PDB file of N, CA and C in Angstrom:
ATOM      1  N   MET A   1     -28.385-121.939 -31.196  1.00  0.00           N
ATOM      2  CA  MET A   1     -29.513-122.641 -30.992  1.00  0.00           C
ATOM      3  C   MET A   1     -29.368-124.050 -31.003  1.00  0.00           C
ATOM      4  N   ILE A   2     -30.228-124.909 -30.111  1.00  0.00           N
ATOM      5  CA  ILE A   2     -29.774-126.252 -30.120  1.00  0.00           C
ATOM      6  C   ILE A   2     -31.408-126.977 -30.554  1.00  0.00           C
ATOM      7  N   GLU A   3     -31.270-128.117 -31.485  1.00  0.00           N
ATOM      8  CA  GLU A   3     -32.532-128.718 -31.728  1.00  0.00           C
ATOM      9  C   GLU A   3     -32.192-130.213 -31.293  1.00  0.00           C
ATOM     10  N   GLU A   4     -33.122-130.831 -30.939  1.00  0.00           N
ATOM     11  CA  GLU A   4     -32.927-132.483 -30.706  1.00  0.00           C
ATOM     12  C   GLU A   4     -33.056-132.950 -31.914  1.00  0.00           C
ATOM     13  N   ILE A   5     -32.293-134.100 -31.859  1.00  0.00           N
ATOM     14  CA  ILE A   5     -32.191-134.958 -32.977  1.00  0.00           C
ATOM     15  C   ILE A   5     -32.710-136.406 -32.497  1.00  0.00           C
ATOM     16  N   SER A   6     -33.415-137.138 -33.332  1.00  0.00           N
ATOM     17  CA  SER A   6     -33.985-138.313 -32.880  1.00  0.00           C
ATOM     18  C   SER A   6     -32.708-139.454 -33.165  1.00  0.00           C
ATOM     19  N   VAL A   7     -32.631-140.178 -31.932  1.00  0.00           N
ATOM     20  CA  VAL A   7     -31.423-141.274 -32.114  1.00  0.00           C
ATOM     21  C   VAL A   7     -32.298-142.512 -31.635  1.00  0.00           C
ATOM     22  N   PRO A   8     -31.821-143.774 -32.419  1.00  0.00           N
ATOM     23  CA  PRO A   8     -32.620-144.984 -31.872  1.00  0.00           C
ATOM     24  C   PRO A   8     -32.282-145.464 -30.626  1.00  0.00           C
ATOM     25  N   ALA A   9     -31.225-145.373 -30.090  1.00  0.00           N
ATOM     26  CA  ALA A   9     -31.039-145.670 -28.552  1.00  0.00           C
ATOM     27  C   ALA A   9     -31.384-144.912 -27.737  1.00  0.00           C
ATOM     28  N   ASP A  10     -32.173-145.162 -26.692  1.00  0.00           N
ATOM     29  CA  ASP A  10     -33.040-144.437 -25.804  1.00  0.00           C
ATOM     30  C   ASP A  10     -32.084-143.988 -24.399  1.00  0.00           C
ATOM     31  N   ASN A  11     -30.919-144.289 -24.583  1.00  0.00           N
ATOM     32  CA  ASN A  11     -29.734-143.761 -23.733  1.00  0.00           C
ATOM     33  C   ASN A  11     -28.809-142.929 -24.210  1.00  0.00           C
ATOM     34  N   VAL A  12     -29.183-142.516 -25.399  1.00  0.00           N
ATOM     35  CA  VAL A  12     -28.606-141.485 -26.211  1.00  0.00           C
ATOM     36  C   VAL A  12     -29.342-140.199 -26.483  1.00  0.00           C
ATOM     37  N   ILE A  13     -28.826-139.363 -26.268  1.00  0.00           N
ATOM     38  CA  ILE A  13     -29.347-137.808 -26.518  1.00  0.00           C
ATOM     39  C   ILE A  13     -28.784-137.290 -27.570  1.00  0.00           C
ATOM     40  N   GLY A  14     -29.532-136.907 -28.715  1.00  0.00           N
ATOM     41  CA  GLY A  14     -28.810-136.213 -29.953  1.00  0.00           C
ATOM     42  C   GLY A  14     -29.657-134.720 -30.160  1.00  0.00           C
ATOM     43  N   PHE A  15     -28.489-134.009 -30.411  1.00  0.00           N
ATOM     44  CA  PHE A  15     -28.610-132.499 -30.532  1.00  0.00           C
ATOM     45  C   PHE A  15     -27.959-132.159 -31.830  1.00  0.00           C
ATOM     46  N   CYS A  16     -28.394-131.199 -32.266  1.00  0.00           N
ATOM     47  CA  CYS A  16     -27.785-130.095 -33.534  1.00  0.00           C
ATOM     48  C   CYS A  16     -27.704-128.932 -33.224  1.00  0.00           C
ATOM     49  N   ILE A  17     -26.437-128.405 -33.220  1.00  0.00           N
ATOM     50  CA  ILE A  17     -26.241-126.856 -32.923  1.00  0.00           C
ATOM     51  C   ILE A  17     -26.007-126.036 -34.114  1.00  0.00           C
ATOM     52  N   ALA A  18     -26.636-125.051 -34.030  1.00  0.00           N
ATOM     53  CA  ALA A  18     -26.585-124.019 -35.333  1.00  0.00           C
ATOM     54  C   ALA A  18     -26.674-122.632 -34.870  1.00  0.00           C
ATOM     55  N   GLY A  19     -25.400-121.907 -34.649  1.00  0.00           N
ATOM     56  CA  GLY A  19     -25.424-120.743 -34.023  1.00  0.00           C
ATOM     57  C   GLY A  19     -25.096-120.535 -32.623  1.00  0.00           C
ATOM     58  N   LYS A  20     -25.556-119.537 -31.896  1.00  0.00           N
ATOM     59  CA  LYS A  20     -25.208-119.500 -30.442  1.00  0.00           C
ATOM     60  C   LYS A  20     -26.000-120.333 -29.563  1.00  0.00           C
ATOM     61  N   VAL A  21     -25.546-120.711 -28.683  1.00  0.00           N
ATOM     62  CA  VAL A  21     -26.109-121.396 -27.642  1.00  0.00           C
ATOM     63  C   VAL A  21     -26.526-120.518 -26.447  1.00  0.00           C
ATOM     64  N   GLU A  22     -27.682-120.513 -25.975  1.00  0.00           N
ATOM     65  CA  GLU A  22     -28.320-119.609 -25.135  1.00  0.00           C
ATOM     66  C   GLU A  22     -28.662-120.610 -23.999  1.00  0.00           C
ATOM     67  N   LYS A  23     -29.104-119.809 -22.845  1.00  0.00           N
ATOM     68  CA  LYS A  23     -29.365-120.408 -21.391  1.00  0.00           C
ATOM     69  C   LYS A  23     -30.674-121.453 -21.695  1.00  0.00           C
ATOM     70  N   GLN A  24     -31.619-121.103 -22.638  1.00  0.00           N
ATOM     71  CA  GLN A  24     -32.715-121.919 -22.789  1.00  0.00           C
ATOM     72  C   GLN A  24     -32.248-123.092 -23.498  1.00  0.00           C
ATOM     73  N   ASP A  25     -31.339-123.175 -24.334  1.00  0.00           N
ATOM     74  CA  ASP A  25     -31.035-124.442 -25.114  1.00  0.00           C
ATOM     75  C   ASP A  25     -30.233-125.189 -23.888  1.00  0.00           C
ATOM     76  N   MET A  26     -29.560-124.815 -23.054  1.00  0.00           N
ATOM     77  CA  MET A  26     -28.954-125.549 -22.220  1.00  0.00           C
ATOM     78  C   MET A  26     -29.878-126.267 -21.166  1.00  0.00           C
ATOM     79  N   THR A  27     -30.798-125.429 -20.785  1.00  0.00           N
ATOM     80  CA  THR A  27     -31.861-126.023 -19.888  1.00  0.00           C
ATOM     81  C   THR A  27     -32.651-127.090 -20.644  1.00  0.00           C
ATOM     82  N   LYS A  28     -32.813-126.942 -21.911  1.00  0.00           N
ATOM     83  CA  LYS A  28     -33.464-128.121 -22.558  1.00  0.00           C
ATOM     84  C   LYS A  28     -32.478-129.383 -22.710  1.00  0.00           C
ATOM     85  N   VAL A  29     -31.361-129.331 -22.855  1.00  0.00           N
ATOM     86  CA  VAL A  29     -30.484-130.417 -22.698  1.00  0.00           C
ATOM     87  C   VAL A  29     -30.465-130.882 -21.530  1.00  0.00           C
ATOM     88  N   ILE A  30     -30.326-130.144 -20.122  1.00  0.00           N
ATOM     89  CA  ILE A  30     -30.317-130.847 -18.972  1.00  0.00           C
ATOM     90  C   ILE A  30     -31.468-131.460 -18.681  1.00  0.00           C
ATOM     91  N   ASP A  31     -32.668-131.050 -18.936  1.00  0.00           N
ATOM     92  CA  ASP A  31     -33.800-131.657 -18.704  1.00  0.00           C
ATOM     93  C   ASP A  31     -34.155-132.866 -19.807  1.00  0.00           C
ATOM     94  N   ARG A  32     -33.330-133.065 -20.659  1.00  0.00           N
ATOM     95  CA  ARG A  32     -33.497-134.309 -21.579  1.00  0.00           C
ATOM     96  C   ARG A  32     -32.441-135.422 -20.893  1.00  0.00           C
ATOM     97  N   ILE A  33     -31.290-134.769 -20.230  1.00  0.00           N
ATOM     98  CA  ILE A  33     -30.426-135.899 -19.637  1.00  0.00           C
ATOM     99  C   ILE A  33     -31.091-136.175 -18.339  1.00  0.00           C
ATOM    100  N   LYS A  34     -31.958-135.406 -17.716  1.00  0.00           N
ATOM    101  CA  LYS A  34     -32.637-135.776 -16.369  1.00  0.00           C
ATOM    102  C   LYS A  34     -33.551-136.918 -16.967  1.00  0.00           C
ATOM    103  N   THR A  35     -34.258-136.783 -18.055  1.00  0.00           N
ATOM    104  CA  THR A  35     -35.154-137.687 -18.319  1.00  0.00           C
ATOM    105  C   THR A  35     -34.501-138.995 -18.539  1.00  0.00           C
ATOM    106  N   VAL A  36     -33.551-138.863 -19.279  1.00  0.00           N
ATOM    107  CA  VAL A  36     -32.870-140.456 -19.462  1.00  0.00           C
ATOM    108  C   VAL A  36     -32.306-140.981 -18.266  1.00  0.00           C
ATOM    109  N   LEU A  37     -31.873-140.298 -17.486  1.00  0.00           N
ATOM    110  CA  LEU A  37     -31.508-140.889 -16.158  1.00  0.00           C
ATOM    111  C   LEU A  37     -32.427-141.144 -15.449  1.00  0.00           C
ATOM    112  N   ALA A  38     -33.721-140.943 -15.701  1.00  0.00           N
ATOM    113  CA  ALA A  38     -34.650-141.484 -14.787  1.00  0.00           C
ATOM    114  C   ALA A  38     -34.891-142.987 -15.023  1.00  0.00           C
ATOM    115  N   SER A  39     -34.516-143.436 -16.330  1.00  0.00           N
ATOM    116  CA  SER A  39     -34.659-144.885 -16.784  1.00  0.00           C
ATOM    117  C   SER A  39     -33.584-145.569 -17.070  1.00  0.00           C
ATOM    118  N   HIS A  40     -32.176-144.774 -16.957  1.00  0.00           N
ATOM    119  CA  HIS A  40     -30.722-145.535 -17.214  1.00  0.00           C
ATOM    120  C   HIS A  40     -30.008-145.022 -16.379  1.00  0.00           C
ATOM    121  N   ASP A  41     -28.868-145.980 -16.033  1.00  0.00           N
ATOM    122  CA  ASP A  41     -27.941-145.313 -15.113  1.00  0.00           C
ATOM    123  C   ASP A  41     -26.715-144.534 -15.813  1.00  0.00           C
ATOM    124  N   THR A  42     -26.551-144.523 -17.121  1.00  0.00           N
ATOM    125  CA  THR A  42     -25.764-143.789 -17.883  1.00  0.00           C
ATOM    126  C   THR A  42     -26.433-143.138 -18.938  1.00  0.00           C
ATOM    127  N   PHE A  43     -25.654-142.201 -19.503  1.00  0.00           N
ATOM    128  CA  PHE A  43     -26.040-141.760 -20.835  1.00  0.00           C
ATOM    129  C   PHE A  43     -24.990-141.407 -21.670  1.00  0.00           C
ATOM    130  N   ASN A  44     -25.350-141.193 -23.271  1.00  0.00           N
ATOM    131  CA  ASN A  44     -24.352-140.982 -24.425  1.00  0.00           C
ATOM    132  C   ASN A  44     -24.729-139.674 -24.864  1.00  0.00           C
ATOM    133  N   ILE A  45     -24.210-138.818 -25.595  1.00  0.00           N
ATOM    134  CA  ILE A  45     -24.490-137.836 -26.417  1.00  0.00           C
ATOM    135  C   ILE A  45     -24.157-137.827 -27.730  1.00  0.00           C
ATOM    136  N   TYR A  46     -25.035-137.516 -28.924  1.00  0.00           N
ATOM    137  CA  TYR A  46     -24.669-137.427 -30.302  1.00  0.00           C
ATOM    138  C   TYR A  46     -24.908-136.010 -30.531  1.00  0.00           C
ATOM    139  N   VAL A  47     -23.871-135.407 -30.873  1.00  0.00           N
ATOM    140  CA  VAL A  47     -24.051-133.590 -31.629  1.00  0.00           C
ATOM    141  C   VAL A  47     -23.443-133.661 -32.765  1.00  0.00           C
ATOM    142  N   GLU A  48     -24.438-133.036 -33.628  1.00  0.00           N
ATOM    143  CA  GLU A  48     -23.818-132.101 -35.139  1.00  0.00           C
ATOM    144  C   GLU A  48     -23.695-130.918 -34.730  1.00  0.00           C
ATOM    145  N   ILE A  49     -22.423-130.193 -35.134  1.00  0.00           N
ATOM    146  CA  ILE A  49     -22.466-128.641 -35.031  1.00  0.00           C
ATOM    147  C   ILE A  49     -22.321-128.349 -36.364  1.00  0.00           C
ATOM    148  N   LYS A  50     -23.349-127.829 -36.884  1.00  0.00           N
ATOM    149  CA  LYS A  50     -23.398-127.047 -38.048  1.00  0.00           C
ATOM    150  C   LYS A  50     -22.823-125.748 -38.175  1.00  0.00           C
ATOM    151  N   GLU A  51     -22.924-124.912 -36.976  1.00  0.00           N
ATOM    152  CA  GLU A  51     -22.512-123.693 -37.001  1.00  0.00           C
ATOM    153  C   GLU A  51     -22.325-123.340 -35.249  1.00  0.00           C
ATOM    154  N   PHE A  52     -21.096-122.637 -35.059  1.00  0.00           N
ATOM    155  CA  PHE A  52     -21.232-122.435 -33.637  1.00  0.00           C
ATOM    156  C   PHE A  52     -20.708-120.957 -33.370  1.00  0.00           C
ATOM    157  N   ASP A  53     -21.494-120.290 -32.786  1.00  0.00           N
ATOM    158  CA  ASP A  53     -21.396-118.836 -32.509  1.00  0.00           C
ATOM    159  C   ASP A  53     -20.949-118.416 -31.168  1.00  0.00           C
ATOM    160  N   GLY A  54     -20.849-119.318 -30.325  1.00  0.00           N
ATOM    161  CA  GLY A  54     -20.357-119.063 -28.960  1.00  0.00           C
ATOM    162  C   GLY A  54     -21.565-119.470 -28.080  1.00  0.00           C
ATOM    163  N   VAL A  55     -21.118-119.016 -26.626  1.00  0.00           N
ATOM    164  CA  VAL A  55     -22.346-119.394 -25.812  1.00  0.00           C
ATOM    165  C   VAL A  55     -22.569-118.334 -24.817  1.00  0.00           C
ATOM    166  N   SER A  56     -23.896-118.203 -24.317  1.00  0.00           N
ATOM    167  CA  SER A  56     -23.955-117.029 -23.271  1.00  0.00           C
ATOM    168  C   SER A  56     -23.741-117.382 -21.915  1.00  0.00           C
ATOM    169  N   LEU A  57     -23.542-116.349 -21.048  1.00  0.00           N
ATOM    170  CA  LEU A  57     -23.060-116.650 -19.687  1.00  0.00           C
ATOM    171  C   LEU A  57     -23.983-117.639 -18.964  1.00  0.00           C
ATOM    172  N   GLY A  58     -25.403-117.401 -19.284  1.00  0.00           N
ATOM    173  CA  GLY A  58     -26.434-118.140 -18.799  1.00  0.00           C
ATOM    174  C   GLY A  58     -26.036-119.739 -19.172  1.00  0.00           C
ATOM    175  N   VAL A  59     -25.369-120.181 -20.248  1.00  0.00           N
ATOM    176  CA  VAL A  59     -24.958-121.691 -20.542  1.00  0.00           C
ATOM    177  C   VAL A  59     -24.096-122.015 -19.521  1.00  0.00           C
ATOM    178  N   ILE A  60     -23.067-121.526 -19.252  1.00  0.00           N
ATOM    179  CA  ILE A  60     -22.146-121.547 -18.295  1.00  0.00           C
ATOM    180  C   ILE A  60     -22.793-121.833 -16.895  1.00  0.00           C
ATOM    181  N   LEU A  61     -23.412-120.931 -16.479  1.00  0.00           N
ATOM    182  CA  LEU A  61     -24.065-121.184 -15.296  1.00  0.00           C
ATOM    183  C   LEU A  61     -24.759-122.561 -15.031  1.00  0.00           C
ATOM    184  N   GLU A  62     -25.617-122.851 -16.280  1.00  0.00           N
ATOM    185  CA  GLU A  62     -26.346-124.101 -16.423  1.00  0.00           C
ATOM    186  C   GLU A  62     -25.748-125.056 -16.362  1.00  0.00           C
ATOM    187  N   LYS A  63     -24.568-125.373 -16.912  1.00  0.00           N
ATOM    188  CA  LYS A  63     -23.327-126.334 -17.156  1.00  0.00           C
ATOM    189  C   LYS A  63     -22.879-126.468 -15.674  1.00  0.00           C
ATOM    190  N   ILE A  64     -22.634-125.345 -14.835  1.00  0.00           N
ATOM    191  CA  ILE A  64     -22.311-125.828 -13.458  1.00  0.00           C
ATOM    192  C   ILE A  64     -23.151-126.403 -12.539  1.00  0.00           C
ATOM    193  N   LYS A  65     -24.582-126.148 -12.880  1.00  0.00           N
ATOM    194  CA  LYS A  65     -25.517-126.840 -12.108  1.00  0.00           C
ATOM    195  C   LYS A  65     -25.639-128.410 -12.500  1.00  0.00           C
ATOM    196  N   ALA A  66     -25.226-128.643 -13.746  1.00  0.00           N
ATOM    197  CA  ALA A  66     -25.248-129.933 -14.376  1.00  0.00           C
ATOM    198  C   ALA A  66     -24.160-130.917 -13.868  1.00  0.00           C
ATOM    199  N   LEU A  67     -23.113-130.138 -13.345  1.00  0.00           N
ATOM    200  CA  LEU A  67     -21.872-131.001 -12.986  1.00  0.00           C
ATOM    201  C   LEU A  67     -22.104-132.494 -12.318  1.00  0.00           C
ATOM    202  N   SER A  68     -23.036-132.583 -11.368  1.00  0.00           N
ATOM    203  CA  SER A  68     -23.440-134.099 -10.779  1.00  0.00           C
ATOM    204  C   SER A  68     -23.831-135.193 -11.851  1.00  0.00           C
ATOM    205  N   THR A  69     -24.117-134.597 -12.902  1.00  0.00           N
ATOM    206  CA  THR A  69     -24.298-135.633 -14.277  1.00  0.00           C
ATOM    207  C   THR A  69     -22.990-136.292 -14.838  1.00  0.00           C
ATOM    208  N   LEU A  70     -22.226-135.579 -14.603  1.00  0.00           N
ATOM    209  CA  LEU A  70     -20.702-136.216 -15.354  1.00  0.00           C
ATOM    210  C   LEU A  70     -20.314-137.422 -15.203  1.00  0.00           C
ATOM    211  N   THR A  71     -20.734-137.913 -13.933  1.00  0.00           N
ATOM    212  CA  THR A  71     -20.241-139.464 -13.491  1.00  0.00           C
ATOM    213  C   THR A  71     -21.153-140.477 -14.357  1.00  0.00           C
ATOM    214  N   LYS A  72     -22.230-139.918 -14.988  1.00  0.00           N
ATOM    215  CA  LYS A  72     -23.111-140.978 -15.965  1.00  0.00           C
ATOM    216  C   LYS A  72     -23.004-140.802 -17.127  1.00  0.00           C
ATOM    217  N   PHE A  73     -22.114-139.502 -17.433  1.00  0.00           N
ATOM    218  CA  PHE A  73     -21.890-139.329 -18.918  1.00  0.00           C
ATOM    219  C   PHE A  73     -20.750-140.302 -19.481  1.00  0.00           C
ATOM    220  N   LYS A  74     -20.903-141.053 -20.563  1.00  0.00           N
ATOM    221  CA  LYS A  74     -19.800-142.092 -20.804  1.00  0.00           C
ATOM    222  C   LYS A  74     -19.409-141.670 -22.032  1.00  0.00           C
ATOM    223  N   LYS A  75     -20.075-141.473 -23.161  1.00  0.00           N
ATOM    224  CA  LYS A  75     -19.590-141.149 -24.355  1.00  0.00           C
ATOM    225  C   LYS A  75     -20.256-140.044 -25.053  1.00  0.00           C
ATOM    226  N   GLU A  76     -19.337-139.344 -26.173  1.00  0.00           N
ATOM    227  CA  GLU A  76     -19.856-138.415 -26.850  1.00  0.00           C
ATOM    228  C   GLU A  76     -19.435-138.215 -28.263  1.00  0.00           C
ATOM    229  N   ALA A  77     -20.259-138.342 -29.258  1.00  0.00           N
ATOM    230  CA  ALA A  77     -19.799-138.409 -30.818  1.00  0.00           C
ATOM    231  C   ALA A  77     -20.068-136.992 -31.201  1.00  0.00           C
ATOM    232  N   ILE A  78     -19.295-136.213 -31.717  1.00  0.00           N
ATOM    233  CA  ILE A  78     -19.292-134.941 -31.927  1.00  0.00           C
ATOM    234  C   ILE A  78     -19.069-134.946 -33.594  1.00  0.00           C
ATOM    235  N   VAL A  79     -20.012-134.260 -34.423  1.00  0.00           N
ATOM    236  CA  VAL A  79     -20.050-134.274 -35.811  1.00  0.00           C
ATOM    237  C   VAL A  79     -19.691-132.994 -36.210  1.00  0.00           C
ATOM    238  N   SER A  80     -18.599-132.699 -36.975  1.00  0.00           N
ATOM    239  CA  SER A  80     -18.432-131.285 -37.380  1.00  0.00           C
ATOM    240  C   SER A  80     -17.391-131.419 -38.481  1.00  0.00           C
ATOM    241  N   SER A  81     -17.564-130.381 -39.379  1.00  0.00           N
ATOM    242  CA  SER A  81     -16.554-130.102 -40.330  1.00  0.00           C
ATOM    243  C   SER A  81     -15.556-128.836 -39.905  1.00  0.00           C
ATOM    244  N   LYS A  82     -15.759-128.469 -38.844  1.00  0.00           N
ATOM    245  CA  LYS A  82     -14.617-127.375 -38.401  1.00  0.00           C
ATOM    246  C   LYS A  82     -13.430-128.026 -37.657  1.00  0.00           C
ATOM    247  N   GLU A  83     -12.186-127.586 -38.272  1.00  0.00           N
ATOM    248  CA  GLU A  83     -10.805-128.213 -37.665  1.00  0.00           C
ATOM    249  C   GLU A  83     -10.794-128.005 -36.147  1.00  0.00           C
ATOM    250  N   TRP A  84     -11.164-126.706 -35.772  1.00  0.00           N
ATOM    251  CA  TRP A  84     -10.971-126.276 -34.589  1.00  0.00           C
ATOM    252  C   TRP A  84     -11.660-127.001 -33.508  1.00  0.00           C
ATOM    253  N   ILE A  85     -12.902-127.490 -33.862  1.00  0.00           N
ATOM    254  CA  ILE A  85     -13.734-128.441 -32.938  1.00  0.00           C
ATOM    255  C   ILE A  85     -13.153-129.640 -32.717  1.00  0.00           C
ATOM    256  N   LYS A  86     -12.514-130.270 -34.090  1.00  0.00           N
ATOM    257  CA  LYS A  86     -11.709-131.578 -34.018  1.00  0.00           C
ATOM    258  C   LYS A  86     -10.633-131.494 -32.894  1.00  0.00           C
ATOM    259  N   LYS A  87     -10.158-130.527 -33.069  1.00  0.00           N
ATOM    260  CA  LYS A  87      -8.783-130.149 -31.838  1.00  0.00           C
ATOM    261  C   LYS A  87      -9.530-129.920 -30.463  1.00  0.00           C
ATOM    262  N   PHE A  88     -10.541-129.409 -30.482  1.00  0.00           N
ATOM    263  CA  PHE A  88     -11.150-129.335 -29.239  1.00  0.00           C
ATOM    264  C   PHE A  88     -11.666-130.593 -28.501  1.00  0.00           C
ATOM    265  N   THR A  89     -12.093-131.551 -29.497  1.00  0.00           N
ATOM    266  CA  THR A  89     -12.621-133.074 -28.984  1.00  0.00           C
ATOM    267  C   THR A  89     -11.383-133.689 -28.625  1.00  0.00           C
ATOM    268  N   ALA A  90     -10.253-133.533 -29.077  1.00  0.00           N
ATOM    269  CA  ALA A  90      -8.989-134.366 -28.641  1.00  0.00           C
ATOM    270  C   ALA A  90      -8.738-133.748 -27.293  1.00  0.00           C
ATOM    271  N   ILE A  91      -8.795-132.482 -27.196  1.00  0.00           N
ATOM    272  CA  ILE A  91      -8.302-131.963 -25.831  1.00  0.00           C
ATOM    273  C   ILE A  91      -9.445-132.395 -24.580  1.00  0.00           C
ATOM    274  N   ALA A  92     -10.812-132.382 -25.020  1.00  0.00           N
ATOM    275  CA  ALA A  92     -11.866-132.675 -24.181  1.00  0.00           C
ATOM    276  C   ALA A  92     -11.881-134.042 -23.759  1.00  0.00           C
ATOM    277  N   ASP A  93     -11.303-135.081 -24.743  1.00  0.00           N
ATOM    278  CA  ASP A  93     -11.281-136.522 -24.338  1.00  0.00           C
ATOM    279  C   ASP A  93     -10.147-136.620 -23.288  1.00  0.00           C
ATOM    280  N   LYS A  94      -9.118-135.877 -23.259  1.00  0.00           N
ATOM    281  CA  LYS A  94      -8.174-136.198 -22.138  1.00  0.00           C
ATOM    282  C   LYS A  94      -8.524-135.295 -20.870  1.00  0.00           C
ATOM    283  N   LEU A  95      -9.263-134.092 -20.969  1.00  0.00           N
ATOM    284  CA  LEU A  95      -9.683-133.567 -19.836  1.00  0.00           C
ATOM    285  C   LEU A  95     -10.433-134.327 -18.790  1.00  0.00           C
ATOM    286  N   PHE A  96     -11.493-134.905 -19.880  1.00  0.00           N
ATOM    287  CA  PHE A  96     -12.543-135.672 -18.776  1.00  0.00           C
ATOM    288  C   PHE A  96     -12.262-137.366 -19.190  1.00  0.00           C
ATOM    289  N   PRO A  97     -11.361-137.927 -18.590  1.00  0.00           N
ATOM    290  CA  PRO A  97     -10.840-139.501 -18.931  1.00  0.00           C
ATOM    291  C   PRO A  97     -12.010-140.295 -18.587  1.00  0.00           C
ATOM    292  N   SER A  98     -13.130-139.972 -17.666  1.00  0.00           N
ATOM    293  CA  SER A  98     -14.216-140.805 -17.638  1.00  0.00           C
ATOM    294  C   SER A  98     -15.377-140.852 -18.744  1.00  0.00           C
ATOM    295  N   ILE A  99     -15.168-139.788 -19.676  1.00  0.00           N
ATOM    296  CA  ILE A  99     -15.950-139.606 -20.678  1.00  0.00           C
ATOM    297  C   ILE A  99     -15.297-139.862 -22.114  1.00  0.00           C
ATOM    298  N   GLU A 100     -15.579-140.782 -23.078  1.00  0.00           N
ATOM    299  CA  GLU A 100     -14.975-141.082 -24.029  1.00  0.00           C
ATOM    300  C   GLU A 100     -15.586-140.109 -25.237  1.00  0.00           C
ATOM    301  N   VAL A 101     -14.713-139.406 -25.608  1.00  0.00           N
ATOM    302  CA  VAL A 101     -15.057-138.295 -26.923  1.00  0.00           C
ATOM    303  C   VAL A 101     -14.373-138.482 -28.098  1.00  0.00           C
ATOM    304  N   LYS A 102     -15.197-138.684 -29.360  1.00  0.00           N
ATOM    305  CA  LYS A 102     -14.601-138.770 -30.421  1.00  0.00           C
ATOM    306  C   LYS A 102     -15.243-137.745 -31.444  1.00  0.00           C
ATOM    307  N   HIS A 103     -14.524-137.280 -32.407  1.00  0.00           N
ATOM    308  CA  HIS A 103     -14.899-136.325 -33.585  1.00  0.00           C
ATOM    309  C   HIS A 103     -15.102-137.281 -34.763  1.00  0.00           C
ATOM    310  N   PHE A 104     -15.994-136.800 -35.458  1.00  0.00           N
ATOM    311  CA  PHE A 104     -16.391-137.487 -36.851  1.00  0.00           C
ATOM    312  C   PHE A 104     -16.743-136.116 -37.654  1.00  0.00           C
ATOM    313  N   SER A 105     -16.641-136.410 -38.994  1.00  0.00           N
ATOM    314  CA  SER A 105     -16.851-135.600 -40.039  1.00  0.00           C
ATOM    315  C   SER A 105     -18.354-135.807 -40.485  1.00  0.00           C
ATOM    316  N   PHE A 106     -19.115-134.968 -41.069  1.00  0.00           N
ATOM    317  CA  PHE A 106     -20.419-135.109 -41.513  1.00  0.00           C
ATOM    318  C   PHE A 106     -20.525-136.372 -42.493  1.00  0.00           C
ATOM    319  N   GLU A 107     -19.496-136.647 -43.048  1.00  0.00           N
ATOM    320  CA  GLU A 107     -19.454-137.777 -44.145  1.00  0.00           C
ATOM    321  C   GLU A 107     -19.079-139.182 -43.289  1.00  0.00           C
ATOM    322  N   GLU A 108     -18.818-139.089 -41.924  1.00  0.00           N
ATOM    323  CA  GLU A 108     -19.002-140.379 -40.902  1.00  0.00           C
ATOM    324  C   GLU A 108     -19.853-140.311 -40.046  1.00  0.00           C
ATOM    325  N   LYS A 109     -20.970-139.536 -40.197  1.00  0.00           N
ATOM    326  CA  LYS A 109     -22.087-139.478 -39.034  1.00  0.00           C
ATOM    327  C   LYS A 109     -22.799-140.620 -38.939  1.00  0.00           C
ATOM    328  N   HIS A 110     -22.820-141.533 -39.927  1.00  0.00           N
ATOM    329  CA  HIS A 110     -23.453-142.763 -39.742  1.00  0.00           C
ATOM    330  C   HIS A 110     -22.727-143.761 -38.862  1.00  0.00           C
ATOM    331  N   GLN A 111     -21.385-143.835 -38.814  1.00  0.00           N
ATOM    332  CA  GLN A 111     -20.236-144.454 -37.949  1.00  0.00           C
ATOM    333  C   GLN A 111     -20.364-143.605 -36.614  1.00  0.00           C
ATOM    334  N   ALA A 112     -20.591-142.303 -36.481  1.00  0.00           N
ATOM    335  CA  ALA A 112     -20.629-141.781 -35.492  1.00  0.00           C
ATOM    336  C   ALA A 112     -21.879-142.091 -34.304  1.00  0.00           C
ATOM    337  N   LEU A 113     -22.983-142.388 -35.095  1.00  0.00           N
ATOM    338  CA  LEU A 113     -24.106-142.907 -34.461  1.00  0.00           C
ATOM    339  C   LEU A 113     -24.143-144.293 -34.153  1.00  0.00           C
ATOM    340  N   LYS A 114     -23.371-145.124 -35.116  1.00  0.00           N
ATOM    341  CA  LYS A 114     -23.272-146.507 -34.512  1.00  0.00           C
ATOM    342  C   LYS A 114     -22.355-146.601 -33.307  1.00  0.00           C
ATOM    343  N   TRP A 115     -21.070-145.736 -33.419  1.00  0.00           N
ATOM    344  CA  TRP A 115     -20.225-145.752 -32.237  1.00  0.00           C
ATOM    345  C   TRP A 115     -20.782-145.452 -30.797  1.00  0.00           C
ATOM    346  N   VAL A 116     -21.700-144.320 -30.769  1.00  0.00           N
ATOM    347  CA  VAL A 116     -22.174-143.580 -29.752  1.00  0.00           C
ATOM    348  C   VAL A 116     -23.392-144.557 -29.102  1.00  0.00           C
ATOM    349  N   GLN A 117     -23.834-145.497 -29.890  1.00  0.00           N
ATOM    350  CA  GLN A 117     -24.819-146.272 -29.291  1.00  0.00           C
ATOM    351  C   GLN A 117     -24.417-147.674 -28.707  1.00  0.00           C
ATOM    352  N   GLU A 118     -23.018-148.014 -28.975  1.00  0.00           N
ATOM    353  CA  GLU A 118     -22.327-149.051 -28.490  1.00  0.00           C
ATOM    354  C   GLU A 118     -22.183-149.037 -26.957  1.00  0.00           C
ATOM    355  N   PRO A 119     -22.351-150.233 -26.458  1.00  0.00           N
ATOM    356  CA  PRO A 119     -21.754-150.156 -24.703  1.00  0.00           C
ATOM    357  C   PRO A 119     -20.395-149.661 -24.603  1.00  0.00           C
TER     358      PRO A 119
END
């Protein structure tokens, strides 16, 4: 499940993940990205991962549809206490060189919010 988190910068999309991510969750994220891109050239994402129980096949299909937005995606701050997510973040940062991805602990979430809002 994904819930939106309010973030002060209007080009930053904030979400919290708790559990399994379903197709309707990803549709909500994509709709939010489209809304931000209607008034901004680029966007950043702030995400808190409290619990992650995987993704449905529908999520993968929705992500494929959203590939065109990758060139407008600049930064992602991932907040989590899971070591495997921290390692995944380091890999994602290298896989997508046009997107700067950083991991933060929950104790560092204020720094994560500050960083993701910087130009």
